[in-house]
Amino acid sequence: MPSSLKKIDHIAIIMDGNGRWAKKNSLKKNSGHISGINTAINLCKSVARNKSTNHLTLYTFSTENWNRSVFEIKNLFIILLRSLYLKSGHKVLVKNNSE
């Protein structure tokens, strides 16, 4: 990183609108959630790769999300767990020293 660029201490992102994105694109809500997680994983990799940020926080599940159907909540957690741990996301986070 060039010395003229300052390192960002913290970026925080609220993940919102994946269901609306899916609806707008004539997809099931679940597809929107999967797309959002994939985008988040790519973002994490990019931030780790360019080393311009000390901390990255993804706000993935708010208290309002508990008002969703049990089916949707269950699917959200399944998507998160599969994407971040079972598909090697956890390995990527550890590899990039981003636990």
PDB file of N, CA and C in Angstrom:
ATOM      1  N   MET A   1       0.853  -1.181   0.000  1.00  0.00           N
ATOM      2  CA  MET A   1       0.000   0.000   0.000  1.00  0.00           C
ATOM      3  C   MET A   1       0.895   1.239   0.000  1.00  0.00           C
ATOM      4  N   PRO A   2       0.633   2.192  -0.914  1.00  0.00           N
ATOM      5  CA  PRO A   2       1.437   3.407  -0.944  1.00  0.00           C
ATOM      6  C   PRO A   2       1.346   4.165   0.372  1.00  0.00           C
ATOM      7  N   SER A   3       2.439   4.771   0.779  1.00  0.00           N
ATOM      8  CA  SER A   3       2.470   5.473   2.062  1.00  0.00           C
ATOM      9  C   SER A   3       1.535   6.676   2.092  1.00  0.00           C
ATOM     10  N   SER A   4       1.125   7.164   0.924  1.00  0.00           N
ATOM     11  CA  SER A   4       0.230   8.326   0.882  1.00  0.00           C
ATOM     12  C   SER A   4      -1.209   7.957   1.247  1.00  0.00           C
ATOM     13  N   LEU A   5      -1.547   6.663   1.235  1.00  0.00           N
ATOM     14  CA  LEU A   5      -2.893   6.238   1.583  1.00  0.00           C
ATOM     15  C   LEU A   5      -2.957   5.860   3.052  1.00  0.00           C
ATOM     16  N   LYS A   6      -3.991   6.357   3.730  1.00  0.00           N
ATOM     17  CA  LYS A   6      -4.178   6.017   5.136  1.00  0.00           C
ATOM     18  C   LYS A   6      -4.892   4.675   5.257  1.00  0.00           C
ATOM     19  N   LYS A   7      -4.504   3.928   6.259  1.00  0.00           N
ATOM     20  CA  LYS A   7      -5.173   2.674   6.539  1.00  0.00           C
ATOM     21  C   LYS A   7      -6.480   2.977   7.273  1.00  0.00           C
ATOM     22  N   ILE A   8      -7.549   2.332   6.845  1.00  0.00           N
ATOM     23  CA  ILE A   8      -8.860   2.508   7.470  1.00  0.00           C
ATOM     24  C   ILE A   8      -8.904   1.625   8.710  1.00  0.00           C
ATOM     25  N   ASP A   9      -9.343   2.185   9.829  1.00  0.00           N
ATOM     26  CA  ASP A   9      -9.370   1.408  11.056  1.00  0.00           C
ATOM     27  C   ASP A   9     -10.510   0.393  11.057  1.00  0.00           C
ATOM     28  N   HIS A  10     -11.714   0.812  10.656  1.00  0.00           N
ATOM     29  CA  HIS A  10     -12.861  -0.077  10.803  1.00  0.00           C
ATOM     30  C   HIS A  10     -13.913   0.234   9.750  1.00  0.00           C
ATOM     31  N   ILE A  11     -14.379  -0.807   9.079  1.00  0.00           N
ATOM     32  CA  ILE A  11     -15.524  -0.709   8.174  1.00  0.00           C
ATOM     33  C   ILE A  11     -16.612  -1.606   8.752  1.00  0.00           C
ATOM     34  N   ALA A  12     -17.828  -1.095   8.866  1.00  0.00           N
ATOM     35  CA  ALA A  12     -18.966  -1.885   9.330  1.00  0.00           C
ATOM     36  C   ALA A  12     -20.042  -1.840   8.250  1.00  0.00           C
ATOM     37  N   ILE A  13     -20.583  -3.005   7.928  1.00  0.00           N
ATOM     38  CA  ILE A  13     -21.588  -3.097   6.868  1.00  0.00           C
ATOM     39  C   ILE A  13     -22.825  -3.802   7.416  1.00  0.00           C
ATOM     40  N   ILE A  14     -23.982  -3.203   7.166  1.00  0.00           N
ATOM     41  CA  ILE A  14     -25.257  -3.817   7.515  1.00  0.00           C
ATOM     42  C   ILE A  14     -25.758  -4.531   6.269  1.00  0.00           C
ATOM     43  N   MET A  15     -25.872  -5.842   6.377  1.00  0.00           N
ATOM     44  CA  MET A  15     -26.353  -6.626   5.238  1.00  0.00           C
ATOM     45  C   MET A  15     -27.871  -6.540   5.225  1.00  0.00           C
ATOM     46  N   ASP A  16     -28.402  -5.892   4.204  1.00  0.00           N
ATOM     47  CA  ASP A  16     -29.840  -5.658   4.140  1.00  0.00           C
ATOM     48  C   ASP A  16     -30.269  -5.627   2.679  1.00  0.00           C
ATOM     49  N   GLY A  17     -31.465  -6.089   2.420  1.00  0.00           N
ATOM     50  CA  GLY A  17     -32.042  -5.949   1.092  1.00  0.00           C
ATOM     51  C   GLY A  17     -31.864  -7.141   0.175  1.00  0.00           C
ATOM     52  N   ASN A  18     -31.332  -8.237   0.685  1.00  0.00           N
ATOM     53  CA  ASN A  18     -31.132  -9.398  -0.176  1.00  0.00           C
ATOM     54  C   ASN A  18     -32.449  -9.997  -0.654  1.00  0.00           C
ATOM     55  N   GLY A  19     -33.436 -10.034   0.225  1.00  0.00           N
ATOM     56  CA  GLY A  19     -34.761 -10.533  -0.157  1.00  0.00           C
ATOM     57  C   GLY A  19     -35.414  -9.633  -1.192  1.00  0.00           C
ATOM     58  N   ARG A  20     -35.296  -8.318  -1.010  1.00  0.00           N
ATOM     59  CA  ARG A  20     -35.858  -7.368  -1.982  1.00  0.00           C
ATOM     60  C   ARG A  20     -35.149  -7.491  -3.324  1.00  0.00           C
ATOM     61  N   TRP A  21     -33.819  -7.681  -3.282  1.00  0.00           N
ATOM     62  CA  TRP A  21     -33.055  -7.864  -4.518  1.00  0.00           C
ATOM     63  C   TRP A  21     -33.551  -9.097  -5.269  1.00  0.00           C
ATOM     64  N   ALA A  22     -33.775 -10.192  -4.526  1.00  0.00           N
ATOM     65  CA  ALA A  22     -34.252 -11.423  -5.149  1.00  0.00           C
ATOM     66  C   ALA A  22     -35.619 -11.212  -5.789  1.00  0.00           C
ATOM     67  N   LYS A  23     -36.511 -10.548  -5.062  1.00  0.00           N
ATOM     68  CA  LYS A  23     -37.854 -10.294  -5.586  1.00  0.00           C
ATOM     69  C   LYS A  23     -37.780  -9.456  -6.861  1.00  0.00           C
ATOM     70  N   LYS A  24     -36.962  -8.420  -6.850  1.00  0.00           N
ATOM     71  CA  LYS A  24     -36.800  -7.545  -8.017  1.00  0.00           C
ATOM     72  C   LYS A  24     -36.278  -8.323  -9.224  1.00  0.00           C
ATOM     73  N   ASN A  25     -35.494  -9.362  -8.970  1.00  0.00           N
ATOM     74  CA  ASN A  25     -34.911 -10.170 -10.038  1.00  0.00           C
ATOM     75  C   ASN A  25     -35.659 -11.482 -10.259  1.00  0.00           C
ATOM     76  N   SER A  26     -36.900 -11.532  -9.768  1.00  0.00           N
ATOM     77  CA  SER A  26     -37.786 -12.693  -9.934  1.00  0.00           C
ATOM     78  C   SER A  26     -37.164 -13.993  -9.416  1.00  0.00           C
ATOM     79  N   LEU A  27     -36.492 -13.905  -8.297  1.00  0.00           N
ATOM     80  CA  LEU A  27     -35.870 -15.063  -7.670  1.00  0.00           C
ATOM     81  C   LEU A  27     -36.517 -15.315  -6.313  1.00  0.00           C
ATOM     82  N   LYS A  28     -36.303 -16.498  -5.775  1.00  0.00           N
ATOM     83  CA  LYS A  28     -36.780 -16.795  -4.426  1.00  0.00           C
ATOM     84  C   LYS A  28     -35.929 -16.016  -3.424  1.00  0.00           C
ATOM     85  N   LYS A  29     -36.540 -15.687  -2.305  1.00  0.00           N
ATOM     86  CA  LYS A  29     -35.854 -14.919  -1.265  1.00  0.00           C
ATOM     87  C   LYS A  29     -34.557 -15.602  -0.836  1.00  0.00           C
ATOM     88  N   ASN A  30     -34.595 -16.924  -0.751  1.00  0.00           N
ATOM     89  CA  ASN A  30     -33.425 -17.695  -0.362  1.00  0.00           C
ATOM     90  C   ASN A  30     -32.245 -17.423  -1.316  1.00  0.00           C
ATOM     91  N   SER A  31     -32.537 -17.275  -2.600  1.00  0.00           N
ATOM     92  CA  SER A  31     -31.484 -16.965  -3.582  1.00  0.00           C
ATOM     93  C   SER A  31     -30.847 -15.614  -3.296  1.00  0.00           C
ATOM     94  N   GLY A  32     -31.636 -14.679  -2.840  1.00  0.00           N
ATOM     95  CA  GLY A  32     -31.103 -13.373  -2.458  1.00  0.00           C
ATOM     96  C   GLY A  32     -30.179 -13.469  -1.269  1.00  0.00           C
ATOM     97  N   HIS A  33     -30.561 -14.294  -0.295  1.00  0.00           N
ATOM     98  CA  HIS A  33     -29.710 -14.475   0.879  1.00  0.00           C
ATOM     99  C   HIS A  33     -28.386 -15.140   0.491  1.00  0.00           C
ATOM    100  N   ILE A  34     -28.444 -16.132  -0.366  1.00  0.00           N
ATOM    101  CA  ILE A  34     -27.227 -16.811  -0.820  1.00  0.00           C
ATOM    102  C   ILE A  34     -26.331 -15.834  -1.577  1.00  0.00           C
ATOM    103  N   SER A  35     -26.920 -15.040  -2.441  1.00  0.00           N
ATOM    104  CA  SER A  35     -26.144 -14.050  -3.193  1.00  0.00           C
ATOM    105  C   SER A  35     -25.496 -13.035  -2.253  1.00  0.00           C
ATOM    106  N   GLY A  36     -26.230 -12.611  -1.243  1.00  0.00           N
ATOM    107  CA  GLY A  36     -25.688 -11.657  -0.271  1.00  0.00           C
ATOM    108  C   GLY A  36     -24.504 -12.230   0.488  1.00  0.00           C
ATOM    109  N   ILE A  37     -24.601 -13.483   0.890  1.00  0.00           N
ATOM    110  CA  ILE A  37     -23.488 -14.128   1.606  1.00  0.00           C
ATOM    111  C   ILE A  37     -22.280 -14.267   0.688  1.00  0.00           C
ATOM    112  N   ASN A  38     -22.512 -14.661  -0.552  1.00  0.00           N
ATOM    113  CA  ASN A  38     -21.393 -14.779  -1.494  1.00  0.00           C
ATOM    114  C   ASN A  38     -20.710 -13.432  -1.715  1.00  0.00           C
ATOM    115  N   THR A  39     -21.498 -12.378  -1.800  1.00  0.00           N
ATOM    116  CA  THR A  39     -20.930 -11.036  -1.932  1.00  0.00           C
ATOM    117  C   THR A  39     -20.117 -10.682  -0.693  1.00  0.00           C
ATOM    118  N   ALA A  40     -20.636 -11.024   0.477  1.00  0.00           N
ATOM    119  CA  ALA A  40     -19.919 -10.740   1.733  1.00  0.00           C
ATOM    120  C   ALA A  40     -18.590 -11.496   1.793  1.00  0.00           C
ATOM    121  N   ILE A  41     -18.590 -12.748   1.362  1.00  0.00           N
ATOM    122  CA  ILE A  41     -17.350 -13.529   1.356  1.00  0.00           C
ATOM    123  C   ILE A  41     -16.331 -12.892   0.424  1.00  0.00           C
ATOM    124  N   ASN A  42     -16.778 -12.492  -0.760  1.00  0.00           N
ATOM    125  CA  ASN A  42     -15.872 -11.828  -1.710  1.00  0.00           C
ATOM    126  C   ASN A  42     -15.341 -10.518  -1.147  1.00  0.00           C
ATOM    127  N   LEU A  43     -16.188  -9.787  -0.442  1.00  0.00           N
ATOM    128  CA  LEU A  43     -15.764  -8.540   0.189  1.00  0.00           C
ATOM    129  C   LEU A  43     -14.694  -8.799   1.240  1.00  0.00           C
ATOM    130  N   CYS A  44     -14.917  -9.811   2.076  1.00  0.00           N
ATOM    131  CA  CYS A  44     -13.932 -10.162   3.118  1.00  0.00           C
ATOM    132  C   CYS A  44     -12.589 -10.517   2.504  1.00  0.00           C
ATOM    133  N   LYS A  45     -12.623 -11.311   1.449  1.00  0.00           N
ATOM    134  CA  LYS A  45     -11.385 -11.690   0.774  1.00  0.00           C
ATOM    135  C   LYS A  45     -10.667 -10.467   0.218  1.00  0.00           C
ATOM    136  N   SER A  46     -11.424  -9.560  -0.389  1.00  0.00           N
ATOM    137  CA  SER A  46     -10.835  -8.359  -0.980  1.00  0.00           C
ATOM    138  C   SER A  46     -10.214  -7.457   0.076  1.00  0.00           C
ATOM    139  N   VAL A  47     -10.920  -7.246   1.167  1.00  0.00           N
ATOM    140  CA  VAL A  47     -10.409  -6.403   2.246  1.00  0.00           C
ATOM    141  C   VAL A  47      -9.142  -7.017   2.836  1.00  0.00           C
ATOM    142  N   ALA A  48      -9.143  -8.341   3.035  1.00  0.00           N
ATOM    143  CA  ALA A  48      -7.966  -9.017   3.582  1.00  0.00           C
ATOM    144  C   ALA A  48      -6.790  -8.933   2.611  1.00  0.00           C
ATOM    145  N   ARG A  49      -7.085  -9.066   1.330  1.00  0.00           N
ATOM    146  CA  ARG A  49      -6.045  -9.057   0.311  1.00  0.00           C
ATOM    147  C   ARG A  49      -5.370  -7.691   0.188  1.00  0.00           C
ATOM    148  N   ASN A  50      -6.156  -6.630   0.212  1.00  0.00           N
ATOM    149  CA  ASN A  50      -5.542  -5.311  -0.016  1.00  0.00           C
ATOM    150  C   ASN A  50      -4.990  -4.675   1.258  1.00  0.00           C
ATOM    151  N   LYS A  51      -5.304  -5.261   2.414  1.00  0.00           N
ATOM    152  CA  LYS A  51      -4.698  -4.871   3.700  1.00  0.00           C
ATOM    153  C   LYS A  51      -4.815  -3.382   4.024  1.00  0.00           C
ATOM    154  N   SER A  52      -5.892  -2.750   3.572  1.00  0.00           N
ATOM    155  CA  SER A  52      -6.065  -1.327   3.839  1.00  0.00           C
ATOM    156  C   SER A  52      -6.955  -1.061   5.048  1.00  0.00           C
ATOM    157  N   THR A  53      -7.502  -2.128   5.637  1.00  0.00           N
ATOM    158  CA  THR A  53      -8.448  -1.990   6.740  1.00  0.00           C
ATOM    159  C   THR A  53      -8.042  -2.885   7.905  1.00  0.00           C
ATOM    160  N   ASN A  54      -8.059  -2.323   9.105  1.00  0.00           N
ATOM    161  CA  ASN A  54      -7.734  -3.102  10.296  1.00  0.00           C
ATOM    162  C   ASN A  54      -8.862  -4.041  10.714  1.00  0.00           C
ATOM    163  N   HIS A  55     -10.127  -3.564  10.635  1.00  0.00           N
ATOM    164  CA  HIS A  55     -11.271  -4.331  11.128  1.00  0.00           C
ATOM    165  C   HIS A  55     -12.429  -4.215  10.144  1.00  0.00           C
ATOM    166  N   LEU A  56     -13.115  -5.336   9.941  1.00  0.00           N
ATOM    167  CA  LEU A  56     -14.312  -5.371   9.107  1.00  0.00           C
ATOM    168  C   LEU A  56     -15.399  -6.078   9.895  1.00  0.00           C
ATOM    169  N   THR A  57     -16.548  -5.426  10.047  1.00  0.00           N
ATOM    170  CA  THR A  57     -17.683  -6.005  10.752  1.00  0.00           C
ATOM    171  C   THR A  57     -18.849  -6.137   9.791  1.00  0.00           C
ATOM    172  N   LEU A  58     -19.439  -7.321   9.753  1.00  0.00           N
ATOM    173  CA  LEU A  58     -20.647  -7.549   8.953  1.00  0.00           C
ATOM    174  C   LEU A  58     -21.792  -7.802   9.917  1.00  0.00           C
ATOM    175  N   TYR A  59     -22.776  -6.932   9.881  1.00  0.00           N
ATOM    176  CA  TYR A  59     -23.953  -7.073  10.731  1.00  0.00           C
ATOM    177  C   TYR A  59     -24.954  -7.906   9.940  1.00  0.00           C
ATOM    178  N   THR A  60     -25.061  -9.188  10.261  1.00  0.00           N
ATOM    179  CA  THR A  60     -25.804 -10.110   9.410  1.00  0.00           C
ATOM    180  C   THR A  60     -27.205 -10.470   9.889  1.00  0.00           C
ATOM    181  N   PHE A  61     -27.492 -10.280  11.165  1.00  0.00           N
ATOM    182  CA  PHE A  61     -28.797 -10.712  11.671  1.00  0.00           C
ATOM    183  C   PHE A  61     -29.219  -9.796  12.808  1.00  0.00           C
ATOM    184  N   SER A  62     -30.238  -8.992  12.557  1.00  0.00           N
ATOM    185  CA  SER A  62     -30.694  -8.039  13.570  1.00  0.00           C
ATOM    186  C   SER A  62     -31.838  -8.636  14.397  1.00  0.00           C
ATOM    187  N   THR A  63     -32.180  -7.952  15.461  1.00  0.00           N
ATOM    188  CA  THR A  63     -33.292  -8.427  16.297  1.00  0.00           C
ATOM    189  C   THR A  63     -34.603  -8.459  15.509  1.00  0.00           C
ATOM    190  N   GLU A  64     -34.748  -7.575  14.534  1.00  0.00           N
ATOM    191  CA  GLU A  64     -35.959  -7.567  13.699  1.00  0.00           C
ATOM    192  C   GLU A  64     -36.080  -8.851  12.880  1.00  0.00           C
ATOM    193  N   ASN A  65     -34.948  -9.486  12.577  1.00  0.00           N
ATOM    194  CA  ASN A  65     -34.985 -10.719  11.797  1.00  0.00           C
ATOM    195  C   ASN A  65     -35.704 -11.853  12.522  1.00  0.00           C
ATOM    196  N   TRP A  66     -35.800 -11.769  13.845  1.00  0.00           N
ATOM    197  CA  TRP A  66     -36.518 -12.808  14.587  1.00  0.00           C
ATOM    198  C   TRP A  66     -38.015 -12.768  14.286  1.00  0.00           C
ATOM    199  N   ASN A  67     -38.505 -11.684  13.660  1.00  0.00           N
ATOM    200  CA  ASN A  67     -39.916 -11.577  13.283  1.00  0.00           C
ATOM    201  C   ASN A  67     -40.224 -12.323  11.987  1.00  0.00           C
ATOM    202  N   ARG A  68     -39.212 -12.835  11.312  1.00  0.00           N
ATOM    203  CA  ARG A  68     -39.422 -13.608  10.089  1.00  0.00           C
ATOM    204  C   ARG A  68     -40.008 -14.968  10.459  1.00  0.00           C
ATOM    205  N   SER A  69     -40.446 -15.695   9.433  1.00  0.00           N
ATOM    206  CA  SER A  69     -40.986 -17.035   9.687  1.00  0.00           C
ATOM    207  C   SER A  69     -39.878 -17.948  10.199  1.00  0.00           C
ATOM    208  N   VAL A  70     -40.262 -18.960  10.962  1.00  0.00           N
ATOM    209  CA  VAL A  70     -39.301 -19.933  11.481  1.00  0.00           C
ATOM    210  C   VAL A  70     -38.546 -20.574  10.315  1.00  0.00           C
ATOM    211  N   PHE A  71     -39.257 -20.860   9.236  1.00  0.00           N
ATOM    212  CA  PHE A  71     -38.645 -21.462   8.049  1.00  0.00           C
ATOM    213  C   PHE A  71     -37.543 -20.561   7.483  1.00  0.00           C
ATOM    214  N   GLU A  72     -37.828 -19.268   7.346  1.00  0.00           N
ATOM    215  CA  GLU A  72     -36.836 -18.348   6.781  1.00  0.00           C
ATOM    216  C   GLU A  72     -35.636 -18.173   7.719  1.00  0.00           C
ATOM    217  N   ILE A  73     -35.892 -18.063   9.012  1.00  0.00           N
ATOM    218  CA  ILE A  73     -34.793 -17.941   9.990  1.00  0.00           C
ATOM    219  C   ILE A  73     -33.893 -19.170   9.915  1.00  0.00           C
ATOM    220  N   LYS A  74     -34.503 -20.343   9.902  1.00  0.00           N
ATOM    221  CA  LYS A  74     -33.730 -21.584   9.814  1.00  0.00           C
ATOM    222  C   LYS A  74     -32.877 -21.578   8.546  1.00  0.00           C
ATOM    223  N   ASN A  75     -33.472 -21.202   7.425  1.00  0.00           N
ATOM    224  CA  ASN A  75     -32.728 -21.169   6.160  1.00  0.00           C
ATOM    225  C   ASN A  75     -31.594 -20.144   6.185  1.00  0.00           C
ATOM    226  N   LEU A  76     -31.815 -18.998   6.806  1.00  0.00           N
ATOM    227  CA  LEU A  76     -30.757 -17.996   6.916  1.00  0.00           C
ATOM    228  C   LEU A  76     -29.550 -18.555   7.672  1.00  0.00           C
ATOM    229  N   PHE A  77     -29.812 -19.226   8.783  1.00  0.00           N
ATOM    230  CA  PHE A  77     -28.718 -19.788   9.570  1.00  0.00           C
ATOM    231  C   PHE A  77     -28.021 -20.930   8.838  1.00  0.00           C
ATOM    232  N   ILE A  78     -28.782 -21.723   8.126  1.00  0.00           N
ATOM    233  CA  ILE A  78     -28.179 -22.794   7.330  1.00  0.00           C
ATOM    234  C   ILE A  78     -27.259 -22.200   6.274  1.00  0.00           C
ATOM    235  N   ILE A  79     -27.723 -21.174   5.587  1.00  0.00           N
ATOM    236  CA  ILE A  79     -26.903 -20.515   4.560  1.00  0.00           C
ATOM    237  C   ILE A  79     -25.636 -19.945   5.178  1.00  0.00           C
ATOM    238  N   LEU A  80     -25.778 -19.254   6.299  1.00  0.00           N
ATOM    239  CA  LEU A  80     -24.604 -18.679   6.965  1.00  0.00           C
ATOM    240  C   LEU A  80     -23.599 -19.751   7.361  1.00  0.00           C
ATOM    241  N   LEU A  81     -24.079 -20.795   8.004  1.00  0.00           N
ATOM    242  CA  LEU A  81     -23.173 -21.847   8.463  1.00  0.00           C
ATOM    243  C   LEU A  81     -22.495 -22.568   7.309  1.00  0.00           C
ATOM    244  N   ARG A  82     -23.256 -22.910   6.300  1.00  0.00           N
ATOM    245  CA  ARG A  82     -22.663 -23.603   5.150  1.00  0.00           C
ATOM    246  C   ARG A  82     -21.657 -22.713   4.430  1.00  0.00           C
ATOM    247  N   SER A  83     -22.009 -21.477   4.254  1.00  0.00           N
ATOM    248  CA  SER A  83     -21.151 -20.569   3.500  1.00  0.00           C
ATOM    249  C   SER A  83     -19.885 -20.207   4.246  1.00  0.00           C
ATOM    250  N   LEU A  84     -20.002 -19.934   5.521  1.00  0.00           N
ATOM    251  CA  LEU A  84     -18.854 -19.438   6.270  1.00  0.00           C
ATOM    252  C   LEU A  84     -17.982 -20.540   6.860  1.00  0.00           C
ATOM    253  N   TYR A  85     -18.517 -21.715   7.056  1.00  0.00           N
ATOM    254  CA  TYR A  85     -17.727 -22.766   7.693  1.00  0.00           C
ATOM    255  C   TYR A  85     -17.562 -24.001   6.811  1.00  0.00           C
ATOM    256  N   LEU A  86     -18.649 -24.544   6.319  1.00  0.00           N
ATOM    257  CA  LEU A  86     -18.568 -25.806   5.610  1.00  0.00           C
ATOM    258  C   LEU A  86     -17.985 -25.676   4.207  1.00  0.00           C
ATOM    259  N   LYS A  87     -18.176 -24.536   3.553  1.00  0.00           N
ATOM    260  CA  LYS A  87     -17.674 -24.358   2.195  1.00  0.00           C
ATOM    261  C   LYS A  87     -16.253 -23.824   2.163  1.00  0.00           C
ATOM    262  N   SER A  88     -15.603 -23.755   3.269  1.00  0.00           N
ATOM    263  CA  SER A  88     -14.220 -23.296   3.422  1.00  0.00           C
ATOM    264  C   SER A  88     -14.118 -21.820   3.774  1.00  0.00           C
ATOM    265  N   GLY A  89     -15.219 -21.147   3.982  1.00  0.00           N
ATOM    266  CA  GLY A  89     -15.155 -19.754   4.391  1.00  0.00           C
ATOM    267  C   GLY A  89     -14.346 -19.572   5.658  1.00  0.00           C
ATOM    268  N   HIS A  90     -14.516 -20.489   6.608  1.00  0.00           N
ATOM    269  CA  HIS A  90     -13.753 -20.401   7.854  1.00  0.00           C
ATOM    270  C   HIS A  90     -12.265 -20.520   7.569  1.00  0.00           C
ATOM    271  N   LYS A  91     -11.901 -21.429   6.676  1.00  0.00           N
ATOM    272  CA  LYS A  91     -10.498 -21.596   6.309  1.00  0.00           C
ATOM    273  C   LYS A  91      -9.961 -20.309   5.680  1.00  0.00           C
ATOM    274  N   VAL A  92     -10.781 -19.669   4.859  1.00  0.00           N
ATOM    275  CA  VAL A  92     -10.370 -18.419   4.220  1.00  0.00           C
ATOM    276  C   VAL A  92     -10.162 -17.341   5.273  1.00  0.00           C
ATOM    277  N   LEU A  93     -11.077 -17.248   6.246  1.00  0.00           N
ATOM    278  CA  LEU A  93     -10.943 -16.242   7.292  1.00  0.00           C
ATOM    279  C   LEU A  93      -9.688 -16.478   8.113  1.00  0.00           C
ATOM    280  N   VAL A  94      -9.429 -17.714   8.484  1.00  0.00           N
ATOM    281  CA  VAL A  94      -8.240 -18.032   9.272  1.00  0.00           C
ATOM    282  C   VAL A  94      -6.982 -17.766   8.440  1.00  0.00           C
ATOM    283  N   LYS A  95      -6.995 -18.180   7.176  1.00  0.00           N
ATOM    284  CA  LYS A  95      -5.844 -17.988   6.294  1.00  0.00           C
ATOM    285  C   LYS A  95      -5.496 -16.508   6.192  1.00  0.00           C
ATOM    286  N   ASN A  96      -6.500 -15.667   6.163  1.00  0.00           N
ATOM    287  CA  ASN A  96      -6.277 -14.233   6.036  1.00  0.00           C
ATOM    288  C   ASN A  96      -6.129 -13.547   7.390  1.00  0.00           C
ATOM    289  N   ASN A  97      -6.006 -14.343   8.444  1.00  0.00           N
ATOM    290  CA  ASN A  97      -5.842 -13.823   9.801  1.00  0.00           C
ATOM    291  C   ASN A  97      -6.989 -12.895  10.173  1.00  0.00           C
ATOM    292  N   SER A  98      -8.189 -13.304   9.824  1.00  0.00           N
ATOM    293  CA  SER A  98      -9.364 -12.461  10.024  1.00  0.00           C
ATOM    294  C   SER A  98     -10.386 -13.132  10.909  1.00  0.00           C
ATOM    295  N   GLU A  99      -9.960 -13.883  11.894  1.00  0.00           N
ATOM    296  CA  GLU A  99     -10.912 -14.628  12.725  1.00  0.00           C
ATOM    297  C   GLU A  99     -11.855 -13.708  13.448  1.00  0.00           C
TER     298      GLU A  99
END
